[in-house]
Amino acid sequence: MYDKNNIFAKILRKEIPCNKIYENEASLFFYDINPQAKIHVLGIPKIECSDFYDFVRLADKKTLSSFFESVSLVIKKLNIEKNGYRIISNSGSHGGQEVPHFHIHILAGEKIGSLR
């Protein structure tokens, strides 16, 4: 069940401020307050969805398409498309998800270490 009091829900309701990079009717992208790389951006859809599976199951095609097109726009806006970036989405306790609202991390600006 979706937790309406998670931090991302509060950011979407503007109860908590964020350093916004991009926003449209379907999504919001902002800098992470605890960056794990020189550039660390979070992207969240504006629908109530706990994880990736939930997002794909609940979102209509327009929302799905808009969210992932926005990822591409943010990558371009950050000027990281040539040097590279990493996109991560954690899901559930075994996947390391800390906030129960589907989100992606975009990491860039330096060489990102390899995954184990």
N, C-alpha and C. Protein backbone atom coordinates (compact mmCIF):
# COMPACT_ATOMS: atom_id res chain seq x y z
N MET A 1 0.84 -1.18 0.00
CA MET A 1 0.00 0.00 0.00
C MET A 1 0.89 1.24 0.00
N TYR A 2 0.48 2.26 -0.74
CA TYR A 2 1.25 3.50 -0.88
C TYR A 2 1.19 4.34 0.39
N ASP A 3 2.34 4.82 0.83
CA ASP A 3 2.44 5.67 2.01
C ASP A 3 2.40 7.14 1.57
N LYS A 4 1.27 7.81 1.80
CA LYS A 4 1.09 9.20 1.38
C LYS A 4 1.95 10.19 2.15
N ASN A 5 2.64 9.72 3.19
CA ASN A 5 3.49 10.59 3.99
C ASN A 5 4.98 10.37 3.73
N ASN A 6 5.33 9.66 2.65
CA ASN A 6 6.75 9.50 2.35
C ASN A 6 7.31 10.85 1.88
N ILE A 7 8.61 11.00 1.95
CA ILE A 7 9.24 12.28 1.67
C ILE A 7 8.97 12.78 0.25
N PHE A 8 8.89 11.88 -0.73
CA PHE A 8 8.65 12.32 -2.10
C PHE A 8 7.21 12.81 -2.28
N ALA A 9 6.27 12.17 -1.60
CA ALA A 9 4.89 12.65 -1.64
C ALA A 9 4.82 14.06 -1.04
N LYS A 10 5.57 14.29 0.02
CA LYS A 10 5.61 15.62 0.65
C LYS A 10 6.26 16.65 -0.26
N ILE A 11 7.29 16.24 -0.99
CA ILE A 11 7.92 17.15 -1.96
C ILE A 11 6.93 17.48 -3.07
N LEU A 12 6.21 16.49 -3.57
CA LEU A 12 5.22 16.74 -4.63
C LEU A 12 4.12 17.68 -4.15
N ARG A 13 3.76 17.60 -2.87
CA ARG A 13 2.73 18.49 -2.32
C ARG A 13 3.32 19.84 -1.90
N LYS A 14 4.62 20.01 -2.13
CA LYS A 14 5.34 21.25 -1.79
C LYS A 14 5.38 21.52 -0.29
N GLU A 15 5.28 20.47 0.51
CA GLU A 15 5.44 20.59 1.96
C GLU A 15 6.91 20.62 2.33
N ILE A 16 7.75 20.06 1.48
CA ILE A 16 9.20 20.06 1.65
C ILE A 16 9.79 20.62 0.36
N PRO A 17 10.72 21.58 0.46
CA PRO A 17 11.31 22.16 -0.75
C PRO A 17 12.32 21.20 -1.40
N CYS A 18 12.59 21.46 -2.66
CA CYS A 18 13.63 20.71 -3.38
C CYS A 18 14.33 21.66 -4.34
N ASN A 19 15.50 21.27 -4.77
CA ASN A 19 16.27 22.04 -5.76
C ASN A 19 15.91 21.47 -7.13
N LYS A 20 14.83 22.01 -7.69
CA LYS A 20 14.22 21.47 -8.91
C LYS A 20 15.09 21.73 -10.15
N ILE A 21 15.15 20.71 -11.00
CA ILE A 21 15.82 20.82 -12.29
C ILE A 21 14.79 20.91 -13.41
N TYR A 22 13.76 20.08 -13.29
CA TYR A 22 12.76 19.99 -14.36
C TYR A 22 11.45 19.48 -13.76
N GLU A 23 10.35 20.00 -14.30
CA GLU A 23 9.03 19.54 -13.87
C GLU A 23 8.06 19.68 -15.03
N ASN A 24 7.18 18.71 -15.14
CA ASN A 24 6.05 18.81 -16.07
C ASN A 24 4.83 18.20 -15.39
N GLU A 25 3.79 17.95 -16.14
CA GLU A 25 2.54 17.46 -15.55
C GLU A 25 2.67 16.05 -14.97
N ALA A 26 3.69 15.30 -15.41
CA ALA A 26 3.81 13.90 -15.01
C ALA A 26 4.96 13.61 -14.07
N SER A 27 5.94 14.52 -13.96
CA SER A 27 7.14 14.19 -13.20
C SER A 27 7.85 15.41 -12.64
N LEU A 28 8.75 15.12 -11.70
CA LEU A 28 9.58 16.14 -11.06
C LEU A 28 10.99 15.57 -10.93
N PHE A 29 11.99 16.39 -11.28
CA PHE A 29 13.39 16.02 -11.17
C PHE A 29 14.11 17.06 -10.33
N PHE A 30 14.91 16.59 -9.38
CA PHE A 30 15.58 17.51 -8.47
C PHE A 30 16.89 16.89 -7.98
N TYR A 31 17.77 17.75 -7.46
CA TYR A 31 19.05 17.27 -6.94
C TYR A 31 18.86 16.54 -5.61
N ASP A 32 19.59 15.43 -5.45
CA ASP A 32 19.56 14.67 -4.21
C ASP A 32 20.27 15.46 -3.11
N ILE A 33 19.71 15.49 -1.91
CA ILE A 33 20.33 16.24 -0.82
C ILE A 33 21.53 15.50 -0.22
N ASN A 34 21.70 14.23 -0.58
CA ASN A 34 22.84 13.44 -0.12
C ASN A 34 23.50 12.80 -1.34
N PRO A 35 24.17 13.62 -2.17
CA PRO A 35 24.67 13.10 -3.46
C PRO A 35 25.72 12.01 -3.31
N GLN A 36 25.63 11.04 -4.19
CA GLN A 36 26.57 9.93 -4.24
C GLN A 36 27.55 10.08 -5.40
N ALA A 37 27.44 11.19 -6.14
CA ALA A 37 28.33 11.51 -7.25
C ALA A 37 28.28 13.03 -7.43
N LYS A 38 29.18 13.57 -8.27
CA LYS A 38 29.19 15.02 -8.51
C LYS A 38 27.82 15.52 -8.95
N ILE A 39 27.18 14.74 -9.80
CA ILE A 39 25.80 15.03 -10.21
C ILE A 39 24.95 13.87 -9.73
N HIS A 40 23.94 14.17 -8.94
CA HIS A 40 23.03 13.13 -8.44
C HIS A 40 21.62 13.72 -8.43
N VAL A 41 20.83 13.27 -9.37
CA VAL A 41 19.47 13.78 -9.57
C VAL A 41 18.48 12.67 -9.29
N LEU A 42 17.36 13.03 -8.68
CA LEU A 42 16.26 12.11 -8.48
C LEU A 42 15.12 12.49 -9.42
N GLY A 43 14.47 11.50 -9.98
CA GLY A 43 13.29 11.72 -10.82
C GLY A 43 12.13 10.93 -10.26
N ILE A 44 10.99 11.62 -10.06
CA ILE A 44 9.82 10.95 -9.50
C ILE A 44 8.58 11.25 -10.34
N PRO A 45 7.75 10.25 -10.57
CA PRO A 45 6.47 10.51 -11.22
C PRO A 45 5.50 11.12 -10.22
N LYS A 46 4.49 11.80 -10.73
CA LYS A 46 3.52 12.47 -9.88
C LYS A 46 2.30 11.62 -9.55
N ILE A 47 2.41 10.33 -9.76
CA ILE A 47 1.31 9.44 -9.36
C ILE A 47 1.74 8.64 -8.14
N GLU A 48 0.79 8.15 -7.40
CA GLU A 48 1.06 7.36 -6.20
C GLU A 48 1.44 5.94 -6.63
N CYS A 49 2.74 5.67 -6.57
CA CYS A 49 3.24 4.34 -6.94
C CYS A 49 4.45 4.03 -6.07
N SER A 50 4.49 2.86 -5.52
CA SER A 50 5.53 2.49 -4.55
C SER A 50 6.87 2.14 -5.17
N ASP A 51 6.85 1.51 -6.34
CA ASP A 51 8.09 1.06 -6.96
C ASP A 51 7.89 0.97 -8.46
N PHE A 52 8.93 0.51 -9.18
CA PHE A 52 8.86 0.44 -10.64
C PHE A 52 7.68 -0.41 -11.11
N TYR A 53 7.53 -1.58 -10.51
CA TYR A 53 6.44 -2.47 -10.88
C TYR A 53 5.08 -1.78 -10.73
N ASP A 54 4.91 -1.10 -9.62
CA ASP A 54 3.68 -0.35 -9.34
C ASP A 54 3.47 0.76 -10.38
N PHE A 55 4.53 1.48 -10.70
CA PHE A 55 4.46 2.57 -11.68
C PHE A 55 3.99 2.05 -13.04
N VAL A 56 4.61 0.99 -13.51
CA VAL A 56 4.26 0.44 -14.82
C VAL A 56 2.83 -0.10 -14.81
N ARG A 57 2.42 -0.68 -13.69
CA ARG A 57 1.08 -1.25 -13.57
C ARG A 57 0.00 -0.17 -13.48
N LEU A 58 0.28 0.93 -12.79
CA LEU A 58 -0.74 1.94 -12.52
C LEU A 58 -0.79 3.11 -13.50
N ALA A 59 0.33 3.44 -14.09
CA ALA A 59 0.39 4.62 -14.97
C ALA A 59 -0.21 4.32 -16.33
N ASP A 60 -0.87 5.33 -16.90
CA ASP A 60 -1.34 5.18 -18.27
C ASP A 60 -0.16 5.37 -19.23
N LYS A 61 -0.37 5.05 -20.49
CA LYS A 61 0.73 5.09 -21.47
C LYS A 61 1.31 6.49 -21.61
N LYS A 62 0.47 7.52 -21.54
CA LYS A 62 0.95 8.89 -21.66
C LYS A 62 1.89 9.24 -20.50
N THR A 63 1.53 8.85 -19.29
CA THR A 63 2.35 9.13 -18.11
C THR A 63 3.67 8.37 -18.18
N LEU A 64 3.62 7.10 -18.56
CA LEU A 64 4.83 6.30 -18.72
C LEU A 64 5.78 6.94 -19.73
N SER A 65 5.24 7.25 -20.88
CA SER A 65 6.03 7.84 -21.95
C SER A 65 6.61 9.19 -21.52
N SER A 66 5.79 10.02 -20.92
CA SER A 66 6.23 11.35 -20.49
C SER A 66 7.35 11.26 -19.47
N PHE A 67 7.24 10.33 -18.51
CA PHE A 67 8.27 10.20 -17.49
C PHE A 67 9.62 9.86 -18.13
N PHE A 68 9.64 8.85 -18.98
CA PHE A 68 10.92 8.42 -19.56
C PHE A 68 11.44 9.41 -20.60
N GLU A 69 10.58 10.13 -21.29
CA GLU A 69 11.03 11.22 -22.15
C GLU A 69 11.65 12.33 -21.31
N SER A 70 11.10 12.57 -20.13
CA SER A 70 11.65 13.58 -19.23
C SER A 70 13.04 13.20 -18.74
N VAL A 71 13.28 11.91 -18.51
CA VAL A 71 14.62 11.45 -18.14
C VAL A 71 15.61 11.90 -19.21
N SER A 72 15.25 11.68 -20.45
CA SER A 72 16.11 12.07 -21.57
C SER A 72 16.33 13.59 -21.61
N LEU A 73 15.28 14.36 -21.38
CA LEU A 73 15.40 15.83 -21.36
C LEU A 73 16.33 16.30 -20.24
N VAL A 74 16.23 15.68 -19.09
CA VAL A 74 17.09 16.05 -17.96
C VAL A 74 18.55 15.72 -18.27
N ILE A 75 18.79 14.56 -18.86
CA ILE A 75 20.15 14.17 -19.25
C ILE A 75 20.73 15.22 -20.19
N LYS A 76 19.95 15.66 -21.14
CA LYS A 76 20.38 16.69 -22.09
C LYS A 76 20.62 18.01 -21.36
N LYS A 77 19.69 18.39 -20.48
CA LYS A 77 19.80 19.65 -19.74
C LYS A 77 21.06 19.67 -18.87
N LEU A 78 21.42 18.53 -18.30
CA LEU A 78 22.62 18.43 -17.47
C LEU A 78 23.90 18.31 -18.30
N ASN A 79 23.75 18.15 -19.60
CA ASN A 79 24.87 18.02 -20.54
C ASN A 79 25.77 16.83 -20.19
N ILE A 80 25.13 15.71 -19.89
CA ILE A 80 25.89 14.51 -19.51
C ILE A 80 25.76 13.38 -20.53
N GLU A 81 25.07 13.64 -21.62
CA GLU A 81 24.81 12.56 -22.57
C GLU A 81 26.08 12.04 -23.23
N LYS A 82 27.12 12.87 -23.39
CA LYS A 82 28.34 12.43 -24.07
C LYS A 82 29.30 11.69 -23.16
N ASN A 83 29.50 12.18 -21.93
CA ASN A 83 30.46 11.54 -21.03
C ASN A 83 29.88 10.35 -20.28
N GLY A 84 28.57 10.27 -20.20
CA GLY A 84 27.93 9.11 -19.60
C GLY A 84 27.31 9.38 -18.24
N TYR A 85 26.52 8.43 -17.81
CA TYR A 85 25.74 8.55 -16.59
C TYR A 85 25.27 7.15 -16.21
N ARG A 86 24.77 7.04 -15.00
CA ARG A 86 24.16 5.79 -14.55
C ARG A 86 22.75 6.11 -14.09
N ILE A 87 21.79 5.27 -14.48
CA ILE A 87 20.42 5.39 -14.02
C ILE A 87 20.14 4.18 -13.13
N ILE A 88 19.63 4.45 -11.93
CA ILE A 88 19.37 3.39 -10.96
C ILE A 88 17.94 3.54 -10.44
N SER A 89 17.28 2.41 -10.24
CA SER A 89 16.02 2.39 -9.52
C SER A 89 16.05 1.19 -8.59
N ASN A 90 15.96 1.46 -7.30
CA ASN A 90 15.92 0.39 -6.30
C ASN A 90 14.46 0.03 -6.04
N SER A 91 14.21 -1.23 -5.77
CA SER A 91 12.84 -1.67 -5.54
C SER A 91 12.77 -2.65 -4.38
N GLY A 92 11.97 -2.31 -3.38
CA GLY A 92 11.75 -3.19 -2.24
C GLY A 92 12.96 -3.29 -1.31
N SER A 93 12.78 -3.97 -0.21
CA SER A 93 13.84 -4.07 0.80
C SER A 93 15.07 -4.80 0.28
N HIS A 94 14.89 -5.83 -0.53
CA HIS A 94 16.04 -6.55 -1.07
C HIS A 94 16.76 -5.74 -2.13
N GLY A 95 16.06 -4.81 -2.76
CA GLY A 95 16.67 -3.96 -3.77
C GLY A 95 17.26 -2.68 -3.22
N GLY A 96 17.14 -2.47 -1.91
CA GLY A 96 17.73 -1.29 -1.30
C GLY A 96 16.89 -0.03 -1.38
N GLN A 97 15.61 -0.16 -1.66
CA GLN A 97 14.74 1.02 -1.76
C GLN A 97 14.52 1.62 -0.38
N GLU A 98 14.77 2.93 -0.25
CA GLU A 98 14.62 3.61 1.03
C GLU A 98 13.34 4.43 1.13
N VAL A 99 12.89 4.98 0.00
CA VAL A 99 11.66 5.77 -0.01
C VAL A 99 10.62 5.00 -0.83
N PRO A 100 9.45 4.71 -0.25
CA PRO A 100 8.45 3.90 -0.95
C PRO A 100 7.61 4.68 -1.97
N HIS A 101 8.30 5.35 -2.88
CA HIS A 101 7.68 6.02 -4.02
C HIS A 101 8.65 5.77 -5.17
N PHE A 102 8.15 5.23 -6.30
CA PHE A 102 9.04 4.93 -7.42
C PHE A 102 9.86 6.16 -7.76
N HIS A 103 11.16 5.95 -7.92
CA HIS A 103 12.05 7.04 -8.31
C HIS A 103 13.28 6.46 -9.00
N ILE A 104 13.92 7.32 -9.77
CA ILE A 104 15.20 6.94 -10.38
C ILE A 104 16.27 7.88 -9.88
N HIS A 105 17.48 7.39 -9.89
CA HIS A 105 18.67 8.18 -9.60
C HIS A 105 19.43 8.33 -10.90
N ILE A 106 19.88 9.53 -11.21
CA ILE A 106 20.79 9.76 -12.34
C ILE A 106 22.10 10.23 -11.72
N LEU A 107 23.14 9.43 -11.89
CA LEU A 107 24.46 9.74 -11.37
C LEU A 107 25.41 10.06 -12.52
N ALA A 108 26.19 11.13 -12.36
CA ALA A 108 27.09 11.54 -13.44
C ALA A 108 28.10 12.54 -12.90
N GLY A 109 28.91 13.09 -13.84
CA GLY A 109 29.85 14.14 -13.51
C GLY A 109 31.22 13.64 -13.13
N GLU A 110 31.38 12.34 -13.04
CA GLU A 110 32.66 11.72 -12.72
C GLU A 110 32.54 10.24 -13.08
N LYS A 111 33.68 9.56 -13.11
CA LYS A 111 33.65 8.12 -13.39
C LYS A 111 32.95 7.42 -12.23
N ILE A 112 31.90 6.69 -12.52
CA ILE A 112 31.13 5.96 -11.53
C ILE A 112 31.72 4.55 -11.45
N GLY A 113 32.01 4.07 -10.25
CA GLY A 113 32.60 2.74 -10.08
C GLY A 113 31.73 1.64 -10.65
N SER A 114 32.35 0.52 -10.94
CA SER A 114 31.60 -0.61 -11.48
C SER A 114 30.80 -1.28 -10.38
N LEU A 115 29.75 -1.94 -10.79
CA LEU A 115 28.93 -2.70 -9.85
C LEU A 115 29.59 -4.04 -9.59
N ARG A 116 29.38 -4.58 -8.40
CA ARG A 116 29.96 -5.87 -8.08
C ARG A 116 29.34 -6.96 -8.90
